[in-house]
Amino acid sequence: MAIYRFRVSFEDYDDVIREIDIKSTQTFEDLHIAIHKSTGYNAEKSSSFYVSTDQWIKGDEIAYLPTQRKLDRGVTLMHGTKLNRFIDDPHQKFYYTYNFDRPFDFHVELIKILDLEQGKDYPSLFRSMGEAPKPAGTIVVPVGGGEEPEDFDFLNEMEYAPEDADDLESVDDLGIDAPEEEEEEKDEFMDEFSDNDNFDSEDFGSNNKEDY
């Protein structure tokens, strides 16, 4: 039985490479899962291999967790589809997109065909180089803990809990309602001042005339 060695590289991260040995009779789903064991990503994401040319032009699609539209179109599924069914070239290439919601694109190339090693489990990781980038949307907490994490959702993260209600009421007392209360206190003061001193503009004028 033949063993395929695939070199898997990120399209946008040339320094991150994985080389995976897998049986020719294993499936695209097996390869898909093996890739993400080596990257640390969640394999349960809608993804697809595409048979491609040497220029990485996409051809036939082999899908994992496809949309209903793809199913209606009769897309080939990774599950149950053996690798050797789509290997026509000793350097066969596949363009691979992981997680269509927040995609990473890979180049997957057959680089060697080997003999089966008895007693060895396949798929197996032959070589790993570079650290896989963090998937989009991953929250990274800084070591210092003083900055907001990446992809900080202000509206969602700042929703107050019931125990914050007292603090919010205190803020309201110091905010919108404060000027109105201040105005009421001023009016009461003026009324008291007017009642106690009995000042009247006409009386004030008449007193002046009598004095002079």
C-alpha atoms as a PDB file:
ATOM      1  CA  MET A   1       0.000   0.000   0.000  1.00  0.00           C
ATOM      2  CA  ALA A   2       1.256   3.456  -0.922  1.00  0.00           C
ATOM      3  CA  ILE A   3       1.823   6.247   1.602  1.00  0.00           C
ATOM      4  CA  TYR A   4       1.354   9.818   0.450  1.00  0.00           C
ATOM      5  CA  ARG A   5       3.439  12.572   1.971  1.00  0.00           C
ATOM      6  CA  PHE A   6       1.692  15.924   1.624  1.00  0.00           C
ATOM      7  CA  ARG A   7       3.304  19.282   2.264  1.00  0.00           C
ATOM      8  CA  VAL A   8       0.719  21.673   3.706  1.00  0.00           C
ATOM      9  CA  SER A   9       1.505  25.394   3.770  1.00  0.00           C
ATOM     10  CA  PHE A  10      -0.508  28.522   4.489  1.00  0.00           C
ATOM     11  CA  GLU A  11      -1.033  30.663   1.418  1.00  0.00           C
ATOM     12  CA  ASP A  12      -0.224  33.851   3.385  1.00  0.00           C
ATOM     13  CA  TYR A  13       2.334  32.417   5.841  1.00  0.00           C
ATOM     14  CA  ASP A  14       5.136  30.793   3.872  1.00  0.00           C
ATOM     15  CA  ASP A  15       7.179  29.994   6.967  1.00  0.00           C
ATOM     16  CA  VAL A  16       4.478  27.713   8.448  1.00  0.00           C
ATOM     17  CA  ILE A  17       4.675  24.192   7.007  1.00  0.00           C
ATOM     18  CA  ARG A  18       3.344  20.781   7.948  1.00  0.00           C
ATOM     19  CA  GLU A  19       4.253  17.498   6.234  1.00  0.00           C
ATOM     20  CA  ILE A  20       1.810  14.666   6.775  1.00  0.00           C
ATOM     21  CA  ASP A  21       2.087  10.986   5.840  1.00  0.00           C
ATOM     22  CA  ILE A  22      -1.215   9.281   5.086  1.00  0.00           C
ATOM     23  CA  LYS A  23      -2.365   6.069   3.419  1.00  0.00           C
ATOM     24  CA  SER A  24      -3.529   6.340  -0.172  1.00  0.00           C
ATOM     25  CA  THR A  25      -6.742   4.585   0.831  1.00  0.00           C
ATOM     26  CA  GLN A  26      -7.546   6.995   3.651  1.00  0.00           C
ATOM     27  CA  THR A  27     -10.003   9.796   3.046  1.00  0.00           C
ATOM     28  CA  PHE A  28      -9.921  13.541   2.553  1.00  0.00           C
ATOM     29  CA  GLU A  29     -11.679  13.782   5.904  1.00  0.00           C
ATOM     30  CA  ASP A  30      -8.728  11.943   7.497  1.00  0.00           C
ATOM     31  CA  LEU A  31      -6.337  14.435   5.905  1.00  0.00           C
ATOM     32  CA  HIS A  32      -8.506  17.380   6.965  1.00  0.00           C
ATOM     33  CA  ILE A  33      -8.488  16.205  10.592  1.00  0.00           C
ATOM     34  CA  ALA A  34      -4.744  15.454  10.507  1.00  0.00           C
ATOM     35  CA  ILE A  35      -3.983  18.976   9.287  1.00  0.00           C
ATOM     36  CA  HIS A  36      -5.806  20.513  12.218  1.00  0.00           C
ATOM     37  CA  LYS A  37      -4.291  18.203  14.758  1.00  0.00           C
ATOM     38  CA  SER A  38      -1.029  19.740  13.592  1.00  0.00           C
ATOM     39  CA  THR A  39      -2.293  23.357  13.641  1.00  0.00           C
ATOM     40  CA  GLY A  40      -4.371  23.155  16.806  1.00  0.00           C
ATOM     41  CA  TYR A  41      -7.505  24.399  15.018  1.00  0.00           C
ATOM     42  CA  ASN A  42     -11.012  23.050  15.479  1.00  0.00           C
ATOM     43  CA  ALA A  43     -11.552  20.613  12.614  1.00  0.00           C
ATOM     44  CA  GLU A  44     -15.350  20.866  12.905  1.00  0.00           C
ATOM     45  CA  LYS A  45     -15.583  23.788  10.481  1.00  0.00           C
ATOM     46  CA  SER A  46     -16.964  23.911   6.952  1.00  0.00           C
ATOM     47  CA  SER A  47     -13.952  23.422   4.687  1.00  0.00           C
ATOM     48  CA  SER A  48     -13.053  22.198   1.199  1.00  0.00           C
ATOM     49  CA  PHE A  49     -10.232  20.738  -0.841  1.00  0.00           C
ATOM     50  CA  TYR A  50     -10.105  21.683  -4.525  1.00  0.00           C
ATOM     51  CA  VAL A  51      -8.221  19.637  -7.096  1.00  0.00           C
ATOM     52  CA  SER A  52      -5.913  22.245  -8.602  1.00  0.00           C
ATOM     53  CA  THR A  53      -3.401  22.901 -11.329  1.00  0.00           C
ATOM     54  CA  ASP A  54       0.271  23.775 -10.856  1.00  0.00           C
ATOM     55  CA  GLN A  55      -0.858  27.430 -10.751  1.00  0.00           C
ATOM     56  CA  TRP A  56      -3.301  26.648  -7.876  1.00  0.00           C
ATOM     57  CA  ILE A  57      -6.356  27.152 -10.033  1.00  0.00           C
ATOM     58  CA  LYS A  58      -9.328  25.446  -8.395  1.00  0.00           C
ATOM     59  CA  GLY A  59     -11.065  22.480  -9.965  1.00  0.00           C
ATOM     60  CA  ASP A  60     -13.357  19.818  -8.457  1.00  0.00           C
ATOM     61  CA  GLU A  61     -14.402  20.464  -4.859  1.00  0.00           C
ATOM     62  CA  ILE A  62     -14.313  17.919  -2.036  1.00  0.00           C
ATOM     63  CA  ALA A  63     -16.255  19.365   0.925  1.00  0.00           C
ATOM     64  CA  TYR A  64     -16.604  18.935   4.681  1.00  0.00           C
ATOM     65  CA  LEU A  65     -19.825  20.164   6.347  1.00  0.00           C
ATOM     66  CA  PRO A  66     -21.024  21.725   3.083  1.00  0.00           C
ATOM     67  CA  THR A  67     -23.951  24.124   2.734  1.00  0.00           C
ATOM     68  CA  GLN A  68     -27.295  22.840   1.512  1.00  0.00           C
ATOM     69  CA  ARG A  69     -26.715  24.572  -1.802  1.00  0.00           C
ATOM     70  CA  LYS A  70     -23.521  22.588  -2.340  1.00  0.00           C
ATOM     71  CA  LEU A  71     -25.284  19.379  -1.367  1.00  0.00           C
ATOM     72  CA  ASP A  72     -28.069  20.102  -3.848  1.00  0.00           C
ATOM     73  CA  ARG A  73     -25.405  20.644  -6.476  1.00  0.00           C
ATOM     74  CA  GLY A  74     -23.964  17.189  -5.758  1.00  0.00           C
ATOM     75  CA  VAL A  75     -20.626  18.222  -4.254  1.00  0.00           C
ATOM     76  CA  THR A  76     -18.228  15.399  -3.389  1.00  0.00           C
ATOM     77  CA  LEU A  77     -17.890  14.862   0.357  1.00  0.00           C
ATOM     78  CA  MET A  78     -14.601  14.384   2.202  1.00  0.00           C
ATOM     79  CA  HIS A  79     -16.211  11.649   4.253  1.00  0.00           C
ATOM     80  CA  GLY A  80     -15.801   8.334   2.438  1.00  0.00           C
ATOM     81  CA  THR A  81     -13.806   9.809  -0.489  1.00  0.00           C
ATOM     82  CA  LYS A  82     -10.394   8.139  -0.756  1.00  0.00           C
ATOM     83  CA  LEU A  83      -7.358  10.223  -1.583  1.00  0.00           C
ATOM     84  CA  ASN A  84      -6.201   7.972  -4.443  1.00  0.00           C
ATOM     85  CA  ARG A  85      -9.416   8.715  -6.305  1.00  0.00           C
ATOM     86  CA  PHE A  86      -8.133  12.230  -7.058  1.00  0.00           C
ATOM     87  CA  ILE A  87      -4.389  11.539  -7.408  1.00  0.00           C
ATOM     88  CA  ASP A  88      -3.460  11.657 -11.083  1.00  0.00           C
ATOM     89  CA  ASP A  89      -0.001  13.173 -10.727  1.00  0.00           C
ATOM     90  CA  PRO A  90       2.991  12.296  -8.495  1.00  0.00           C
ATOM     91  CA  HIS A  91       3.004  15.983  -7.524  1.00  0.00           C
ATOM     92  CA  GLN A  92      -0.761  16.410  -7.281  1.00  0.00           C
ATOM     93  CA  LYS A  93      -1.868  19.724  -5.790  1.00  0.00           C
ATOM     94  CA  PHE A  94      -4.955  20.653  -3.808  1.00  0.00           C
ATOM     95  CA  TYR A  95      -6.074  24.130  -2.885  1.00  0.00           C
ATOM     96  CA  TYR A  96      -7.605  23.910   0.566  1.00  0.00           C
ATOM     97  CA  THR A  97      -9.859  26.413   2.380  1.00  0.00           C
ATOM     98  CA  TYR A  98     -10.438  25.932   6.096  1.00  0.00           C
ATOM     99  CA  ASN A  99     -13.482  27.496   7.826  1.00  0.00           C
ATOM    100  CA  PHE A 100     -15.443  29.501   5.260  1.00  0.00           C
ATOM    101  CA  ASP A 101     -16.762  31.807   7.991  1.00  0.00           C
ATOM    102  CA  ARG A 102     -13.248  33.069   8.777  1.00  0.00           C
ATOM    103  CA  PRO A 103     -11.081  31.354   6.181  1.00  0.00           C
ATOM    104  CA  PHE A 104      -7.474  30.328   6.023  1.00  0.00           C
ATOM    105  CA  ASP A 105      -6.235  29.141   2.621  1.00  0.00           C
ATOM    106  CA  PHE A 106      -3.625  26.418   2.220  1.00  0.00           C
ATOM    107  CA  HIS A 107      -1.567  24.833  -0.517  1.00  0.00           C
ATOM    108  CA  VAL A 108      -1.483  21.047  -0.217  1.00  0.00           C
ATOM    109  CA  GLU A 109       1.021  19.277  -2.443  1.00  0.00           C
ATOM    110  CA  LEU A 110       1.937  15.614  -2.805  1.00  0.00           C
ATOM    111  CA  ILE A 111       5.742  15.595  -2.511  1.00  0.00           C
ATOM    112  CA  LYS A 112       6.587  11.902  -2.101  1.00  0.00           C
ATOM    113  CA  ILE A 113       5.075   8.434  -2.379  1.00  0.00           C
ATOM    114  CA  LEU A 114       6.447   5.997   0.193  1.00  0.00           C
ATOM    115  CA  ASP A 115       6.043   2.391   1.233  1.00  0.00           C
ATOM    116  CA  LEU A 116       3.903   1.490   4.215  1.00  0.00           C
ATOM    117  CA  GLU A 117       5.769   1.072   7.499  1.00  0.00           C
ATOM    118  CA  GLN A 118       4.310  -1.836   9.418  1.00  0.00           C
ATOM    119  CA  GLY A 119       3.114  -0.976  12.904  1.00  0.00           C
ATOM    120  CA  LYS A 120       3.004   2.770  12.239  1.00  0.00           C
ATOM    121  CA  ASP A 121      -0.219   4.699  12.726  1.00  0.00           C
ATOM    122  CA  TYR A 122      -1.447   6.880   9.864  1.00  0.00           C
ATOM    123  CA  PRO A 123      -1.987   9.720   9.294  1.00  0.00           C
ATOM    124  CA  SER A 124       1.222  10.819  11.011  1.00  0.00           C
ATOM    125  CA  LEU A 125       2.985  14.163  11.218  1.00  0.00           C
ATOM    126  CA  PHE A 126       6.394  13.860   9.560  1.00  0.00           C
ATOM    127  CA  ARG A 127       7.546  17.467   9.870  1.00  0.00           C
ATOM    128  CA  SER A 128       6.331  20.661  11.516  1.00  0.00           C
ATOM    129  CA  MET A 129       7.826  24.098  10.937  1.00  0.00           C
ATOM    130  CA  GLY A 130       6.539  27.429  12.282  1.00  0.00           C
ATOM    131  CA  GLU A 131       3.658  28.274  14.593  1.00  0.00           C
ATOM    132  CA  ALA A 132       0.188  28.357  13.076  1.00  0.00           C
ATOM    133  CA  PRO A 133      -1.361  31.852  13.220  1.00  0.00           C
ATOM    134  CA  LYS A 134      -4.274  32.478  15.565  1.00  0.00           C
ATOM    135  CA  PRO A 135      -7.653  32.090  13.837  1.00  0.00           C
ATOM    136  CA  ALA A 136      -9.647  35.311  13.413  1.00  0.00           C
ATOM    137  CA  GLY A 137     -11.835  36.055  16.403  1.00  0.00           C
ATOM    138  CA  THR A 138      -9.563  34.415  18.943  1.00  0.00           C
ATOM    139  CA  ILE A 139      -9.395  36.454  22.152  1.00  0.00           C
ATOM    140  CA  VAL A 140      -5.827  37.039  23.262  1.00  0.00           C
ATOM    141  CA  VAL A 141      -5.398  38.367  26.811  1.00  0.00           C
ATOM    142  CA  PRO A 142      -2.201  40.466  27.154  1.00  0.00           C
ATOM    143  CA  VAL A 143       0.302  39.337  29.764  1.00  0.00           C
ATOM    144  CA  GLY A 144      -0.007  42.649  31.627  1.00  0.00           C
ATOM    145  CA  GLY A 145      -3.772  42.351  31.712  1.00  0.00           C
ATOM    146  CA  GLY A 146      -4.165  46.105  31.316  1.00  0.00           C
ATOM    147  CA  GLU A 147      -5.298  46.321  27.700  1.00  0.00           C
ATOM    148  CA  GLU A 148      -8.467  45.238  26.005  1.00  0.00           C
ATOM    149  CA  PRO A 149      -8.304  41.864  24.227  1.00  0.00           C
ATOM    150  CA  GLU A 150      -8.384  41.630  20.472  1.00  0.00           C
ATOM    151  CA  ASP A 151     -11.827  41.779  18.861  1.00  0.00           C
ATOM    152  CA  PHE A 152     -13.220  43.505  21.965  1.00  0.00           C
ATOM    153  CA  ASP A 153     -16.973  43.839  21.500  1.00  0.00           C
ATOM    154  CA  PHE A 154     -17.799  47.070  23.357  1.00  0.00           C
ATOM    155  CA  LEU A 155     -21.589  46.721  23.177  1.00  0.00           C
ATOM    156  CA  ASN A 156     -21.656  43.146  24.392  1.00  0.00           C
ATOM    157  CA  GLU A 157     -18.806  43.307  26.875  1.00  0.00           C
ATOM    158  CA  MET A 158     -20.104  46.493  28.513  1.00  0.00           C
ATOM    159  CA  GLU A 159     -23.605  45.172  29.235  1.00  0.00           C
ATOM    160  CA  TYR A 160     -24.229  45.739  32.937  1.00  0.00           C
ATOM    161  CA  ALA A 161     -25.268  43.027  35.329  1.00  0.00           C
ATOM    162  CA  PRO A 162     -28.178  43.393  37.806  1.00  0.00           C
ATOM    163  CA  GLU A 163     -25.706  43.980  40.620  1.00  0.00           C
ATOM    164  CA  ASP A 164     -24.547  47.140  38.812  1.00  0.00           C
ATOM    165  CA  ALA A 165     -27.987  48.750  39.087  1.00  0.00           C
ATOM    166  CA  ASP A 166     -27.148  50.704  42.257  1.00  0.00           C
ATOM    167  CA  ASP A 167     -24.068  52.193  40.610  1.00  0.00           C
ATOM    168  CA  LEU A 168     -26.069  53.230  37.562  1.00  0.00           C
ATOM    169  CA  GLU A 169     -28.701  54.893  39.755  1.00  0.00           C
ATOM    170  CA  SER A 170     -25.936  56.822  41.473  1.00  0.00           C
ATOM    171  CA  VAL A 171     -24.701  58.002  38.097  1.00  0.00           C
ATOM    172  CA  ASP A 172     -28.206  59.126  37.152  1.00  0.00           C
ATOM    173  CA  ASP A 173     -28.495  61.086  40.410  1.00  0.00           C
ATOM    174  CA  LEU A 174     -25.337  62.956  39.514  1.00  0.00           C
ATOM    175  CA  GLY A 175     -26.287  63.424  35.880  1.00  0.00           C
ATOM    176  CA  ILE A 176     -29.546  64.292  34.201  1.00  0.00           C
ATOM    177  CA  ASP A 177     -31.584  64.880  37.369  1.00  0.00           C
ATOM    178  CA  ALA A 178     -28.971  67.027  39.108  1.00  0.00           C
ATOM    179  CA  PRO A 179     -29.611  70.344  37.284  1.00  0.00           C
ATOM    180  CA  GLU A 180     -33.380  70.095  37.898  1.00  0.00           C
ATOM    181  CA  GLU A 181     -32.894  69.609  41.641  1.00  0.00           C
ATOM    182  CA  GLU A 182     -30.439  72.480  41.749  1.00  0.00           C
ATOM    183  CA  GLU A 183     -32.961  74.717  39.987  1.00  0.00           C
ATOM    184  CA  GLU A 184     -35.645  73.765  42.489  1.00  0.00           C
ATOM    185  CA  GLU A 185     -33.340  74.614  45.406  1.00  0.00           C
ATOM    186  CA  LYS A 186     -32.592  78.020  43.843  1.00  0.00           C
ATOM    187  CA  ASP A 187     -36.319  78.774  43.463  1.00  0.00           C
ATOM    188  CA  GLU A 188     -36.976  77.848  47.081  1.00  0.00           C
ATOM    189  CA  PHE A 189     -34.126  80.109  48.190  1.00  0.00           C
ATOM    190  CA  MET A 190     -35.438  83.056  46.157  1.00  0.00           C
ATOM    191  CA  ASP A 191     -38.953  82.552  47.518  1.00  0.00           C
ATOM    192  CA  GLU A 192     -37.633  82.503  51.063  1.00  0.00           C
ATOM    193  CA  PHE A 193     -35.538  85.593  50.417  1.00  0.00           C
ATOM    194  CA  SER A 194     -38.514  87.433  48.942  1.00  0.00           C
ATOM    195  CA  ASP A 195     -40.868  86.465  51.794  1.00  0.00           C
ATOM    196  CA  ASN A 196     -38.490  87.445  54.590  1.00  0.00           C
ATOM    197  CA  ASP A 197     -37.308  90.835  53.305  1.00  0.00           C
ATOM    198  CA  ASN A 198     -40.556  91.964  51.618  1.00  0.00           C
ATOM    199  CA  PHE A 199     -38.705  93.848  48.918  1.00  0.00           C
ATOM    200  CA  ASP A 200     -40.946  95.538  46.313  1.00  0.00           C
ATOM    201  CA  SER A 201     -39.648  97.615  43.462  1.00  0.00           C
ATOM    202  CA  GLU A 202     -42.269 100.351  43.888  1.00  0.00           C
ATOM    203  CA  ASP A 203     -41.766 100.604  47.668  1.00  0.00           C
ATOM    204  CA  PHE A 204     -38.054 100.857  47.119  1.00  0.00           C
ATOM    205  CA  GLY A 205     -38.546 103.739  44.744  1.00  0.00           C
ATOM    206  CA  SER A 206     -40.981 105.621  47.001  1.00  0.00           C
ATOM    207  CA  ASN A 207     -38.661 105.330  50.013  1.00  0.00           C
ATOM    208  CA  ASN A 208     -35.931 106.960  48.024  1.00  0.00           C
ATOM    209  CA  LYS A 209     -38.096 109.941  47.159  1.00  0.00           C
ATOM    210  CA  GLU A 210     -39.006 110.553  50.782  1.00  0.00           C
ATOM    211  CA  ASP A 211     -35.383 110.403  51.900  1.00  0.00           C
ATOM    212  CA  TYR A 212     -34.332 112.958  49.361  1.00  0.00           C
END
